Full PDB file with SEQRES, HELIX, SHEET, SSBOND, CRYST1, ORIGX, SCALE, CONECT and MASTER records, all heavy atoms in Angstrom:
SEQRES   1 A   39  VAL TYR VAL GLY ALA VAL MET VAL LEU PHE LEU PHE VAL          
SEQRES   2 A   39  VAL MET MET LEU ASP ILE ASN LEU GLU ARG LEU ARG GLU          
SEQRES   3 A   39  GLY PHE TRP LYS ASN LEU PRO LEU ALA ALA VAL VAL GLY          
HELIX    1 AA1 TYR A    2  VAL A    6  3                                   5    
HELIX    2 AA2 MET A    7  MET A   16  1                                  10    
HELIX    3 AA3 LEU A   21  LEU A   24  1                                   4    
HELIX    4 AA4 PHE A   28  VAL A   38  1                                  11    
CRYST1    1.000    1.000    1.000  90.00  90.00  90.00 P 1           1          
ORIGX1      1.000000  0.000000  0.000000        0.00000                         
ORIGX2      0.000000  1.000000  0.000000        0.00000                         
ORIGX3      0.000000  0.000000  1.000000        0.00000                         
SCALE1      1.000000  0.000000  0.000000        0.00000                         
SCALE2      0.000000  1.000000  0.000000        0.00000                         
SCALE3      0.000000  0.000000  1.000000        0.00000                         
ATOM      1  N   VAL A   1      14.497   0.374  -6.308  1.00  0.00           N  
ATOM      2  CA  VAL A   1      14.297   1.836  -5.809  1.00  0.00           C  
ATOM      3  C   VAL A   1      13.414   1.844  -4.651  1.00  0.00           C  
ATOM      4  O   VAL A   1      13.805   2.389  -3.557  1.00  0.00           O  
ATOM      5  CB  VAL A   1      13.831   2.707  -6.948  1.00  0.00           C  
ATOM      6  CG1 VAL A   1      13.667   4.108  -6.451  1.00  0.00           C  
ATOM      7  CG2 VAL A   1      14.915   2.711  -8.094  1.00  0.00           C  
ATOM      8  N   TYR A   2      12.156   1.312  -4.809  1.00  0.00           N  
ATOM      9  CA  TYR A   2      11.260   1.565  -3.734  1.00  0.00           C  
ATOM     10  C   TYR A   2      11.399   0.515  -2.630  1.00  0.00           C  
ATOM     11  O   TYR A   2      11.428   0.942  -1.481  1.00  0.00           O  
ATOM     12  CB  TYR A   2       9.870   1.402  -4.319  1.00  0.00           C  
ATOM     13  CG  TYR A   2       9.471   2.716  -5.091  1.00  0.00           C  
ATOM     14  CD1 TYR A   2       9.532   2.764  -6.444  1.00  0.00           C  
ATOM     15  CD2 TYR A   2       8.976   3.848  -4.407  1.00  0.00           C  
ATOM     16  CE1 TYR A   2       9.191   3.896  -7.188  1.00  0.00           C  
ATOM     17  CE2 TYR A   2       8.639   4.965  -5.071  1.00  0.00           C  
ATOM     18  CZ  TYR A   2       8.761   5.010  -6.467  1.00  0.00           C  
ATOM     19  OH  TYR A   2       8.392   6.208  -7.180  1.00  0.00           O  
ATOM     20  N   VAL A   3      11.432  -0.813  -2.847  1.00  0.00           N  
ATOM     21  CA  VAL A   3      11.504  -1.778  -1.857  1.00  0.00           C  
ATOM     22  C   VAL A   3      12.975  -1.707  -1.182  1.00  0.00           C  
ATOM     23  O   VAL A   3      13.074  -1.715  -0.042  1.00  0.00           O  
ATOM     24  CB  VAL A   3      11.182  -3.165  -2.370  1.00  0.00           C  
ATOM     25  CG1 VAL A   3      11.448  -4.167  -1.292  1.00  0.00           C  
ATOM     26  CG2 VAL A   3       9.772  -3.132  -2.895  1.00  0.00           C  
ATOM     27  N   GLY A   4      13.907  -1.576  -2.098  1.00  0.00           N  
ATOM     28  CA  GLY A   4      15.374  -1.588  -1.490  1.00  0.00           C  
ATOM     29  C   GLY A   4      15.837  -0.346  -0.865  1.00  0.00           C  
ATOM     30  O   GLY A   4      16.718  -0.518   0.027  1.00  0.00           O  
ATOM     31  N   ALA A   5      15.360   0.738  -1.264  1.00  0.00           N  
ATOM     32  CA  ALA A   5      15.885   2.043  -0.692  1.00  0.00           C  
ATOM     33  C   ALA A   5      14.793   2.765   0.059  1.00  0.00           C  
ATOM     34  O   ALA A   5      15.065   3.118   1.174  1.00  0.00           O  
ATOM     35  CB  ALA A   5      16.480   2.876  -1.857  1.00  0.00           C  
ATOM     36  N   VAL A   6      13.721   3.134  -0.495  1.00  0.00           N  
ATOM     37  CA  VAL A   6      12.792   4.079   0.072  1.00  0.00           C  
ATOM     38  C   VAL A   6      12.108   3.431   1.248  1.00  0.00           C  
ATOM     39  O   VAL A   6      11.974   4.066   2.286  1.00  0.00           O  
ATOM     40  CB  VAL A   6      11.736   4.530  -0.993  1.00  0.00           C  
ATOM     41  CG1 VAL A   6      10.705   5.418  -0.454  1.00  0.00           C  
ATOM     42  CG2 VAL A   6      12.512   5.259  -2.151  1.00  0.00           C  
ATOM     43  N   MET A   7      11.640   2.142   1.020  1.00  0.00           N  
ATOM     44  CA  MET A   7      10.887   1.500   2.107  1.00  0.00           C  
ATOM     45  C   MET A   7      11.873   1.141   3.292  1.00  0.00           C  
ATOM     46  O   MET A   7      11.430   1.217   4.462  1.00  0.00           O  
ATOM     47  CB  MET A   7      10.183   0.300   1.565  1.00  0.00           C  
ATOM     48  CG  MET A   7       9.029   0.559   0.651  1.00  0.00           C  
ATOM     49  SD  MET A   7       7.908   1.816   1.352  1.00  0.00           S  
ATOM     50  CE  MET A   7       7.469   1.171   2.819  1.00  0.00           C  
ATOM     51  N   VAL A   8      13.143   0.792   3.021  1.00  0.00           N  
ATOM     52  CA  VAL A   8      14.047   0.653   4.180  1.00  0.00           C  
ATOM     53  C   VAL A   8      14.263   1.864   4.905  1.00  0.00           C  
ATOM     54  O   VAL A   8      14.255   1.831   6.193  1.00  0.00           O  
ATOM     55  CB  VAL A   8      15.399  -0.008   3.522  1.00  0.00           C  
ATOM     56  CG1 VAL A   8      16.447  -0.056   4.627  1.00  0.00           C  
ATOM     57  CG2 VAL A   8      15.101  -1.334   3.020  1.00  0.00           C  
ATOM     58  N   LEU A   9      14.513   2.984   4.226  1.00  0.00           N  
ATOM     59  CA  LEU A   9      14.560   4.216   4.954  1.00  0.00           C  
ATOM     60  C   LEU A   9      13.267   4.650   5.671  1.00  0.00           C  
ATOM     61  O   LEU A   9      13.312   5.127   6.809  1.00  0.00           O  
ATOM     62  CB  LEU A   9      14.897   5.356   3.880  1.00  0.00           C  
ATOM     63  CG  LEU A   9      15.157   6.757   4.488  1.00  0.00           C  
ATOM     64  CD1 LEU A   9      16.196   6.841   5.383  1.00  0.00           C  
ATOM     65  CD2 LEU A   9      15.223   7.759   3.273  1.00  0.00           C  
ATOM     66  N   PHE A  10      12.139   4.439   5.115  1.00  0.00           N  
ATOM     67  CA  PHE A  10      10.914   4.715   5.655  1.00  0.00           C  
ATOM     68  C   PHE A  10      10.793   3.833   7.002  1.00  0.00           C  
ATOM     69  O   PHE A  10      10.310   4.306   8.121  1.00  0.00           O  
ATOM     70  CB  PHE A  10       9.768   4.447   4.871  1.00  0.00           C  
ATOM     71  CG  PHE A  10       8.452   4.823   5.434  1.00  0.00           C  
ATOM     72  CD1 PHE A  10       8.034   6.138   5.550  1.00  0.00           C  
ATOM     73  CD2 PHE A  10       7.498   3.894   5.691  1.00  0.00           C  
ATOM     74  CE1 PHE A  10       6.824   6.536   6.134  1.00  0.00           C  
ATOM     75  CE2 PHE A  10       6.267   4.112   6.261  1.00  0.00           C  
ATOM     76  CZ  PHE A  10       5.909   5.478   6.563  1.00  0.00           C  
ATOM     77  N   LEU A  11      11.155   2.602   7.009  1.00  0.00           N  
ATOM     78  CA  LEU A  11      10.912   1.751   8.081  1.00  0.00           C  
ATOM     79  C   LEU A  11      11.843   2.139   9.214  1.00  0.00           C  
ATOM     80  O   LEU A  11      11.524   2.163  10.407  1.00  0.00           O  
ATOM     81  CB  LEU A  11      11.321   0.273   7.691  1.00  0.00           C  
ATOM     82  CG  LEU A  11      10.024  -0.522   7.164  1.00  0.00           C  
ATOM     83  CD1 LEU A  11      10.624  -1.886   6.718  1.00  0.00           C  
ATOM     84  CD2 LEU A  11       9.028  -0.699   8.234  1.00  0.00           C  
ATOM     85  N   PHE A  12      13.185   2.554   8.845  1.00  0.00           N  
ATOM     86  CA  PHE A  12      14.120   2.980   9.824  1.00  0.00           C  
ATOM     87  C   PHE A  12      13.643   4.238  10.525  1.00  0.00           C  
ATOM     88  O   PHE A  12      13.676   4.389  11.731  1.00  0.00           O  
ATOM     89  CB  PHE A  12      15.399   3.330   8.995  1.00  0.00           C  
ATOM     90  CG  PHE A  12      16.522   3.956   9.919  1.00  0.00           C  
ATOM     91  CD1 PHE A  12      17.149   3.018  10.821  1.00  0.00           C  
ATOM     92  CD2 PHE A  12      16.813   5.123   9.967  1.00  0.00           C  
ATOM     93  CE1 PHE A  12      18.186   3.446  11.651  1.00  0.00           C  
ATOM     94  CE2 PHE A  12      17.862   5.708  10.758  1.00  0.00           C  
ATOM     95  CZ  PHE A  12      18.561   4.850  11.502  1.00  0.00           C  
ATOM     96  N   VAL A  13      12.978   5.203   9.761  1.00  0.00           N  
ATOM     97  CA  VAL A  13      12.505   6.364  10.361  1.00  0.00           C  
ATOM     98  C   VAL A  13      11.359   6.091  11.257  1.00  0.00           C  
ATOM     99  O   VAL A  13      11.225   6.678  12.381  1.00  0.00           O  
ATOM    100  CB  VAL A  13      12.159   7.406   9.233  1.00  0.00           C  
ATOM    101  CG1 VAL A  13      11.382   8.669   9.863  1.00  0.00           C  
ATOM    102  CG2 VAL A  13      13.399   7.901   8.521  1.00  0.00           C  
ATOM    103  N   VAL A  14      10.412   5.250  10.773  1.00  0.00           N  
ATOM    104  CA  VAL A  14       9.212   4.856  11.568  1.00  0.00           C  
ATOM    105  C   VAL A  14       9.594   4.269  12.885  1.00  0.00           C  
ATOM    106  O   VAL A  14       9.086   4.515  14.012  1.00  0.00           O  
ATOM    107  CB  VAL A  14       8.311   4.052  10.766  1.00  0.00           C  
ATOM    108  CG1 VAL A  14       7.272   3.311  11.628  1.00  0.00           C  
ATOM    109  CG2 VAL A  14       7.541   4.859   9.734  1.00  0.00           C  
ATOM    110  N   MET A  15      10.552   3.334  12.879  1.00  0.00           N  
ATOM    111  CA  MET A  15      10.961   2.617  14.057  1.00  0.00           C  
ATOM    112  C   MET A  15      11.909   3.543  15.055  1.00  0.00           C  
ATOM    113  O   MET A  15      11.980   3.318  16.164  1.00  0.00           O  
ATOM    114  CB  MET A  15      11.818   1.389  13.719  1.00  0.00           C  
ATOM    115  CG  MET A  15      10.866   0.332  13.145  1.00  0.00           C  
ATOM    116  SD  MET A  15      11.640  -1.311  12.862  1.00  0.00           S  
ATOM    117  CE  MET A  15      12.712  -0.939  11.644  1.00  0.00           C  
ATOM    118  N   MET A  16      12.515   4.586  14.412  1.00  0.00           N  
ATOM    119  CA  MET A  16      13.415   5.377  15.375  1.00  0.00           C  
ATOM    120  C   MET A  16      12.647   6.421  16.055  1.00  0.00           C  
ATOM    121  O   MET A  16      12.860   6.902  17.076  1.00  0.00           O  
ATOM    122  CB  MET A  16      14.517   6.035  14.502  1.00  0.00           C  
ATOM    123  CG  MET A  16      15.551   4.971  14.036  1.00  0.00           C  
ATOM    124  SD  MET A  16      16.484   4.268  15.445  1.00  0.00           S  
ATOM    125  CE  MET A  16      17.456   5.690  15.991  1.00  0.00           C  
ATOM    126  N   LEU A  17      11.514   6.881  15.375  1.00  0.00           N  
ATOM    127  CA  LEU A  17      10.678   8.026  15.940  1.00  0.00           C  
ATOM    128  C   LEU A  17       9.691   7.436  16.853  1.00  0.00           C  
ATOM    129  O   LEU A  17       9.163   6.326  16.632  1.00  0.00           O  
ATOM    130  CB  LEU A  17      10.041   8.803  14.761  1.00  0.00           C  
ATOM    131  CG  LEU A  17      11.126   9.549  13.843  1.00  0.00           C  
ATOM    132  CD1 LEU A  17      10.231  10.266  12.824  1.00  0.00           C  
ATOM    133  CD2 LEU A  17      11.882  10.573  14.645  1.00  0.00           C  
ATOM    134  N   ASP A  18       9.278   8.235  17.768  1.00  0.00           N  
ATOM    135  CA  ASP A  18       8.188   7.954  18.715  1.00  0.00           C  
ATOM    136  C   ASP A  18       6.943   8.506  18.124  1.00  0.00           C  
ATOM    137  O   ASP A  18       6.565   9.714  18.252  1.00  0.00           O  
ATOM    138  CB  ASP A  18       8.389   8.364  20.127  1.00  0.00           C  
ATOM    139  CG  ASP A  18       7.348   7.942  21.171  1.00  0.00           C  
ATOM    140  OD1 ASP A  18       6.638   7.008  20.764  1.00  0.00           O  
ATOM    141  OD2 ASP A  18       7.271   8.590  22.209  1.00  0.00           O  
ATOM    142  N   ILE A  19       6.195   7.712  17.337  1.00  0.00           N  
ATOM    143  CA  ILE A  19       4.932   8.214  16.670  1.00  0.00           C  
ATOM    144  C   ILE A  19       3.739   8.087  17.542  1.00  0.00           C  
ATOM    145  O   ILE A  19       3.423   7.013  18.082  1.00  0.00           O  
ATOM    146  CB  ILE A  19       4.729   7.501  15.366  1.00  0.00           C  
ATOM    147  CG1 ILE A  19       6.044   7.685  14.393  1.00  0.00           C  
ATOM    148  CG2 ILE A  19       3.536   7.957  14.585  1.00  0.00           C  
ATOM    149  CD1 ILE A  19       6.009   7.015  13.108  1.00  0.00           C  
ATOM    150  N   ASN A  20       2.908   9.159  17.650  1.00  0.00           N  
ATOM    151  CA  ASN A  20       1.682   9.185  18.385  1.00  0.00           C  
ATOM    152  C   ASN A  20       0.546   8.714  17.352  1.00  0.00           C  
ATOM    153  O   ASN A  20       0.064   9.444  16.515  1.00  0.00           O  
ATOM    154  CB  ASN A  20       1.437  10.597  18.931  1.00  0.00           C  
ATOM    155  CG  ASN A  20       0.203  10.567  19.829  1.00  0.00           C  
ATOM    156  OD1 ASN A  20      -0.395   9.557  20.073  1.00  0.00           O  
ATOM    157  ND2 ASN A  20      -0.120  11.668  20.355  1.00  0.00           N  
ATOM    158  N   LEU A  21       0.133   7.524  17.549  1.00  0.00           N  
ATOM    159  CA  LEU A  21      -0.880   6.928  16.623  1.00  0.00           C  
ATOM    160  C   LEU A  21      -2.239   7.643  16.678  1.00  0.00           C  
ATOM    161  O   LEU A  21      -2.984   7.789  15.794  1.00  0.00           O  
ATOM    162  CB  LEU A  21      -1.043   5.472  16.921  1.00  0.00           C  
ATOM    163  CG  LEU A  21       0.262   4.576  16.754  1.00  0.00           C  
ATOM    164  CD1 LEU A  21      -0.120   3.109  17.019  1.00  0.00           C  
ATOM    165  CD2 LEU A  21       0.724   4.666  15.299  1.00  0.00           C  
ATOM    166  N   GLU A  22      -2.528   8.042  17.964  1.00  0.00           N  
ATOM    167  CA  GLU A  22      -3.865   8.701  18.112  1.00  0.00           C  
ATOM    168  C   GLU A  22      -3.879  10.020  17.320  1.00  0.00           C  
ATOM    169  O   GLU A  22      -4.924  10.345  16.784  1.00  0.00           O  
ATOM    170  CB  GLU A  22      -4.151   8.978  19.623  1.00  0.00           C  
ATOM    171  CG  GLU A  22      -4.538   7.723  20.407  1.00  0.00           C  
ATOM    172  CD  GLU A  22      -3.304   6.861  20.693  1.00  0.00           C  
ATOM    173  OE1 GLU A  22      -2.255   7.300  20.581  1.00  0.00           O  
ATOM    174  OE2 GLU A  22      -3.484   5.672  21.039  1.00  0.00           O  
ATOM    175  N   ARG A  23      -2.766  10.794  17.285  1.00  0.00           N  
ATOM    176  CA  ARG A  23      -2.651  11.970  16.678  1.00  0.00           C  
ATOM    177  C   ARG A  23      -2.795  11.866  15.083  1.00  0.00           C  
ATOM    178  O   ARG A  23      -3.296  12.612  14.382  1.00  0.00           O  
ATOM    179  CB  ARG A  23      -1.477  12.771  17.014  1.00  0.00           C  
ATOM    180  CG  ARG A  23      -1.354  14.174  16.562  1.00  0.00           C  
ATOM    181  CD  ARG A  23      -0.162  14.912  17.130  1.00  0.00           C  
ATOM    182  NE  ARG A  23      -0.184  16.193  16.600  1.00  0.00           N  
ATOM    183  CZ  ARG A  23       0.794  17.045  16.813  1.00  0.00           C  
ATOM    184  NH1 ARG A  23       1.822  16.675  17.659  1.00  0.00           N  
ATOM    185  NH2 ARG A  23       0.815  18.280  16.283  1.00  0.00           N  
ATOM    186  N   LEU A  24      -2.130  10.745  14.609  1.00  0.00           N  
ATOM    187  CA  LEU A  24      -2.187  10.428  13.213  1.00  0.00           C  
ATOM    188  C   LEU A  24      -3.578  10.247  12.756  1.00  0.00           C  
ATOM    189  O   LEU A  24      -3.935  10.520  11.611  1.00  0.00           O  
ATOM    190  CB  LEU A  24      -1.291   9.275  12.943  1.00  0.00           C  
ATOM    191  CG  LEU A  24       0.195   9.481  12.918  1.00  0.00           C  
ATOM    192  CD1 LEU A  24       1.006   8.207  12.766  1.00  0.00           C  
ATOM    193  CD2 LEU A  24       0.619  10.550  11.866  1.00  0.00           C  
ATOM    194  N   ARG A  25      -4.379   9.619  13.561  1.00  0.00           N  
ATOM    195  CA  ARG A  25      -5.749   9.235  13.150  1.00  0.00           C  
ATOM    196  C   ARG A  25      -6.847  10.107  13.504  1.00  0.00           C  
ATOM    197  O   ARG A  25      -8.025   9.841  13.412  1.00  0.00           O  
ATOM    198  CB  ARG A  25      -6.101   7.800  13.697  1.00  0.00           C  
ATOM    199  CG  ARG A  25      -5.202   6.741  13.235  1.00  0.00           C  
ATOM    200  CD  ARG A  25      -5.625   5.378  13.689  1.00  0.00           C  
ATOM    201  NE  ARG A  25      -4.827   4.363  13.036  1.00  0.00           N  
ATOM    202  CZ  ARG A  25      -4.979   3.781  11.762  1.00  0.00           C  
ATOM    203  NH1 ARG A  25      -6.084   4.228  11.138  1.00  0.00           N  
ATOM    204  NH2 ARG A  25      -4.205   2.819  11.361  1.00  0.00           N  
ATOM    205  N   GLU A  26      -6.469  11.444  13.937  1.00  0.00           N  
ATOM    206  CA  GLU A  26      -7.391  12.310  14.278  1.00  0.00           C  
ATOM    207  C   GLU A  26      -8.378  12.814  13.135  1.00  0.00           C  
ATOM    208  O   GLU A  26      -9.486  12.793  13.332  1.00  0.00           O  
ATOM    209  CB  GLU A  26      -6.777  13.565  14.897  1.00  0.00           C  
ATOM    210  CG  GLU A  26      -6.326  13.501  16.279  1.00  0.00           C  
ATOM    211  CD  GLU A  26      -5.533  14.700  16.775  1.00  0.00           C  
ATOM    212  OE1 GLU A  26      -5.455  15.636  16.014  1.00  0.00           O  
ATOM    213  OE2 GLU A  26      -5.208  14.643  18.037  1.00  0.00           O  
ATOM    214  N   GLY A  27      -7.794  13.049  11.970  1.00  0.00           N  
ATOM    215  CA  GLY A  27      -8.593  13.487  10.903  1.00  0.00           C  
ATOM    216  C   GLY A  27      -9.056  12.386   9.889  1.00  0.00           C  
ATOM    217  O   GLY A  27      -9.455  12.690   8.788  1.00  0.00           O  
ATOM    218  N   PHE A  28      -9.152  11.182  10.410  1.00  0.00           N  
ATOM    219  CA  PHE A  28      -9.503   9.952   9.479  1.00  0.00           C  
ATOM    220  C   PHE A  28     -10.947  10.052   9.062  1.00  0.00           C  
ATOM    221  O   PHE A  28     -11.210  10.105   7.846  1.00  0.00           O  
ATOM    222  CB  PHE A  28      -9.179   8.705  10.157  1.00  0.00           C  
ATOM    223  CG  PHE A  28      -9.564   7.526   9.399  1.00  0.00           C  
ATOM    224  CD1 PHE A  28      -8.696   7.217   8.277  1.00  0.00           C  
ATOM    225  CD2 PHE A  28     -10.661   6.834   9.614  1.00  0.00           C  
ATOM    226  CE1 PHE A  28      -9.041   5.989   7.568  1.00  0.00           C  
ATOM    227  CE2 PHE A  28     -11.032   5.694   8.815  1.00  0.00           C  
ATOM    228  CZ  PHE A  28     -10.190   5.260   7.802  1.00  0.00           C  
ATOM    229  N   TRP A  29     -11.832  10.287  10.021  1.00  0.00           N  
ATOM    230  CA  TRP A  29     -13.362  10.263   9.610  1.00  0.00           C  
ATOM    231  C   TRP A  29     -13.634  11.521   9.017  1.00  0.00           C  
ATOM    232  O   TRP A  29     -14.621  11.590   8.117  1.00  0.00           O  
ATOM    233  CB  TRP A  29     -14.080  10.024  10.835  1.00  0.00           C  
ATOM    234  CG  TRP A  29     -13.835   8.704  11.526  1.00  0.00           C  
ATOM    235  CD1 TRP A  29     -13.199   8.467  12.676  1.00  0.00           C  
ATOM    236  CD2 TRP A  29     -14.348   7.397  11.002  1.00  0.00           C  
ATOM    237  NE1 TRP A  29     -13.182   7.078  12.921  1.00  0.00           N  
ATOM    238  CE2 TRP A  29     -13.875   6.468  11.916  1.00  0.00           C  
ATOM    239  CE3 TRP A  29     -15.074   7.205   9.778  1.00  0.00           C  
ATOM    240  CZ2 TRP A  29     -14.062   5.098  11.623  1.00  0.00           C  
ATOM    241  CZ3 TRP A  29     -15.280   5.660   9.579  1.00  0.00           C  
ATOM    242  CH2 TRP A  29     -14.805   4.752  10.474  1.00  0.00           C  
ATOM    243  N   LYS A  30     -12.959  12.665   9.213  1.00  0.00           N  
ATOM    244  CA  LYS A  30     -13.217  13.904   8.623  1.00  0.00           C  
ATOM    245  C   LYS A  30     -12.912  13.858   7.127  1.00  0.00           C  
ATOM    246  O   LYS A  30     -13.629  14.441   6.293  1.00  0.00           O  
ATOM    247  CB  LYS A  30     -12.515  15.031   9.341  1.00  0.00           C  
ATOM    248  CG  LYS A  30     -12.807  16.454   8.753  1.00  0.00           C  
ATOM    249  CD  LYS A  30     -12.061  17.493   9.580  1.00  0.00           C  
ATOM    250  CE  LYS A  30     -10.613  17.388   9.314  1.00  0.00           C  
ATOM    251  NZ  LYS A  30      -9.789  18.556   9.888  1.00  0.00           N  
ATOM    252  N   ASN A  31     -11.769  13.205   6.808  1.00  0.00           N  
ATOM    253  CA  ASN A  31     -11.362  13.099   5.380  1.00  0.00           C  
ATOM    254  C   ASN A  31     -11.919  11.920   4.644  1.00  0.00           C  
ATOM    255  O   ASN A  31     -11.504  11.691   3.535  1.00  0.00           O  
ATOM    256  CB  ASN A  31      -9.825  13.112   5.270  1.00  0.00           C  
ATOM    257  CG  ASN A  31      -9.244  14.362   5.925  1.00  0.00           C  
ATOM    258  OD1 ASN A  31      -9.786  15.465   5.761  1.00  0.00           O  
ATOM    259  ND2 ASN A  31      -8.166  14.281   6.588  1.00  0.00           N  
ATOM    260  N   LEU A  32     -12.626  11.006   5.345  1.00  0.00           N  
ATOM    261  CA  LEU A  32     -13.147   9.921   4.674  1.00  0.00           C  
ATOM    262  C   LEU A  32     -14.023  10.122   3.445  1.00  0.00           C  
ATOM    263  O   LEU A  32     -13.930   9.419   2.414  1.00  0.00           O  
ATOM    264  CB  LEU A  32     -13.845   9.008   5.712  1.00  0.00           C  
ATOM    265  CG  LEU A  32     -14.395   7.605   5.149  1.00  0.00           C  
ATOM    266  CD1 LEU A  32     -13.164   6.799   4.623  1.00  0.00           C  
ATOM    267  CD2 LEU A  32     -15.087   6.792   6.258  1.00  0.00           C  
ATOM    268  N   PRO A  33     -15.061  11.043   3.416  1.00  0.00           N  
ATOM    269  CA  PRO A  33     -15.867  11.253   2.306  1.00  0.00           C  
ATOM    270  C   PRO A  33     -15.079  11.671   1.121  1.00  0.00           C  
ATOM    271  O   PRO A  33     -15.306  11.121   0.004  1.00  0.00           O  
ATOM    272  CB  PRO A  33     -16.847  12.326   2.791  1.00  0.00           C  
ATOM    273  CG  PRO A  33     -16.839  12.296   4.216  1.00  0.00           C  
ATOM    274  CD  PRO A  33     -15.463  11.861   4.705  1.00  0.00           C  
ATOM    275  N   LEU A  34     -14.177  12.606   1.167  1.00  0.00           N  
ATOM    276  CA  LEU A  34     -13.280  13.034   0.057  1.00  0.00           C  
ATOM    277  C   LEU A  34     -12.455  11.831  -0.434  1.00  0.00           C  
ATOM    278  O   LEU A  34     -12.320  11.656  -1.705  1.00  0.00           O  
ATOM    279  CB  LEU A  34     -12.434  14.221   0.497  1.00  0.00           C  
ATOM    280  CG  LEU A  34     -11.507  14.845  -0.582  1.00  0.00           C  
ATOM    281  CD1 LEU A  34     -12.323  15.250  -1.780  1.00  0.00           C  
ATOM    282  CD2 LEU A  34     -10.595  15.793  -0.029  1.00  0.00           C  
ATOM    283  N   ALA A  35     -11.905  11.153   0.484  1.00  0.00           N  
ATOM    284  CA  ALA A  35     -11.087  10.004   0.092  1.00  0.00           C  
ATOM    285  C   ALA A  35     -11.942   8.950  -0.657  1.00  0.00           C  
ATOM    286  O   ALA A  35     -11.540   8.328  -1.637  1.00  0.00           O  
ATOM    287  CB  ALA A  35     -10.409   9.365   1.253  1.00  0.00           C  
ATOM    288  N   ALA A  36     -13.196   8.674  -0.259  1.00  0.00           N  
ATOM    289  CA  ALA A  36     -14.106   7.802  -1.000  1.00  0.00           C  
ATOM    290  C   ALA A  36     -14.393   8.245  -2.280  1.00  0.00           C  
ATOM    291  O   ALA A  36     -14.525   7.483  -3.298  1.00  0.00           O  
ATOM    292  CB  ALA A  36     -15.394   7.570  -0.001  1.00  0.00           C  
ATOM    293  N   VAL A  37     -14.649   9.556  -2.523  1.00  0.00           N  
ATOM    294  CA  VAL A  37     -14.968  10.150  -3.835  1.00  0.00           C  
ATOM    295  C   VAL A  37     -13.856   9.895  -4.775  1.00  0.00           C  
ATOM    296  O   VAL A  37     -13.931   9.488  -5.935  1.00  0.00           O  
ATOM    297  CB  VAL A  37     -15.389  11.581  -3.753  1.00  0.00           C  
ATOM    298  CG1 VAL A  37     -15.467  12.255  -5.064  1.00  0.00           C  
ATOM    299  CG2 VAL A  37     -16.724  11.740  -3.005  1.00  0.00           C  
ATOM    300  N   VAL A  38     -12.496  10.299  -4.240  1.00  0.00           N  
ATOM    301  CA  VAL A  38     -11.367  10.145  -5.078  1.00  0.00           C  
ATOM    302  C   VAL A  38     -11.180   8.734  -5.413  1.00  0.00           C  
ATOM    303  O   VAL A  38     -10.823   8.413  -6.592  1.00  0.00           O  
ATOM    304  CB  VAL A  38     -10.150  10.781  -4.464  1.00  0.00           C  
ATOM    305  CG1 VAL A  38      -8.831  10.507  -5.151  1.00  0.00           C  
ATOM    306  CG2 VAL A  38     -10.293  12.298  -4.181  1.00  0.00           C  
ATOM    307  N   GLY A  39     -11.259   7.855  -4.466  1.00  0.00           N  
ATOM    308  CA  GLY A  39     -11.120   6.378  -4.770  1.00  0.00           C  
ATOM    309  C   GLY A  39     -12.117   5.880  -5.773  1.00  0.00           C  
ATOM    310  O   GLY A  39     -11.832   5.083  -6.671  1.00  0.00           O  
TER     311      GLY A  39                                                      
MASTER        0    0    0    4    0    0    0    6  310    1    0    3          
END                                                                             
């Protein structure tokens, strides 16, 4: 289910779209304390 279907679809979408990596990582440091607490 996950490796055979979901991840193949996710890889297809990621490679077909033009993803702005800088925009994805804008809120990384802001959300890091909450993520550390949950982890």
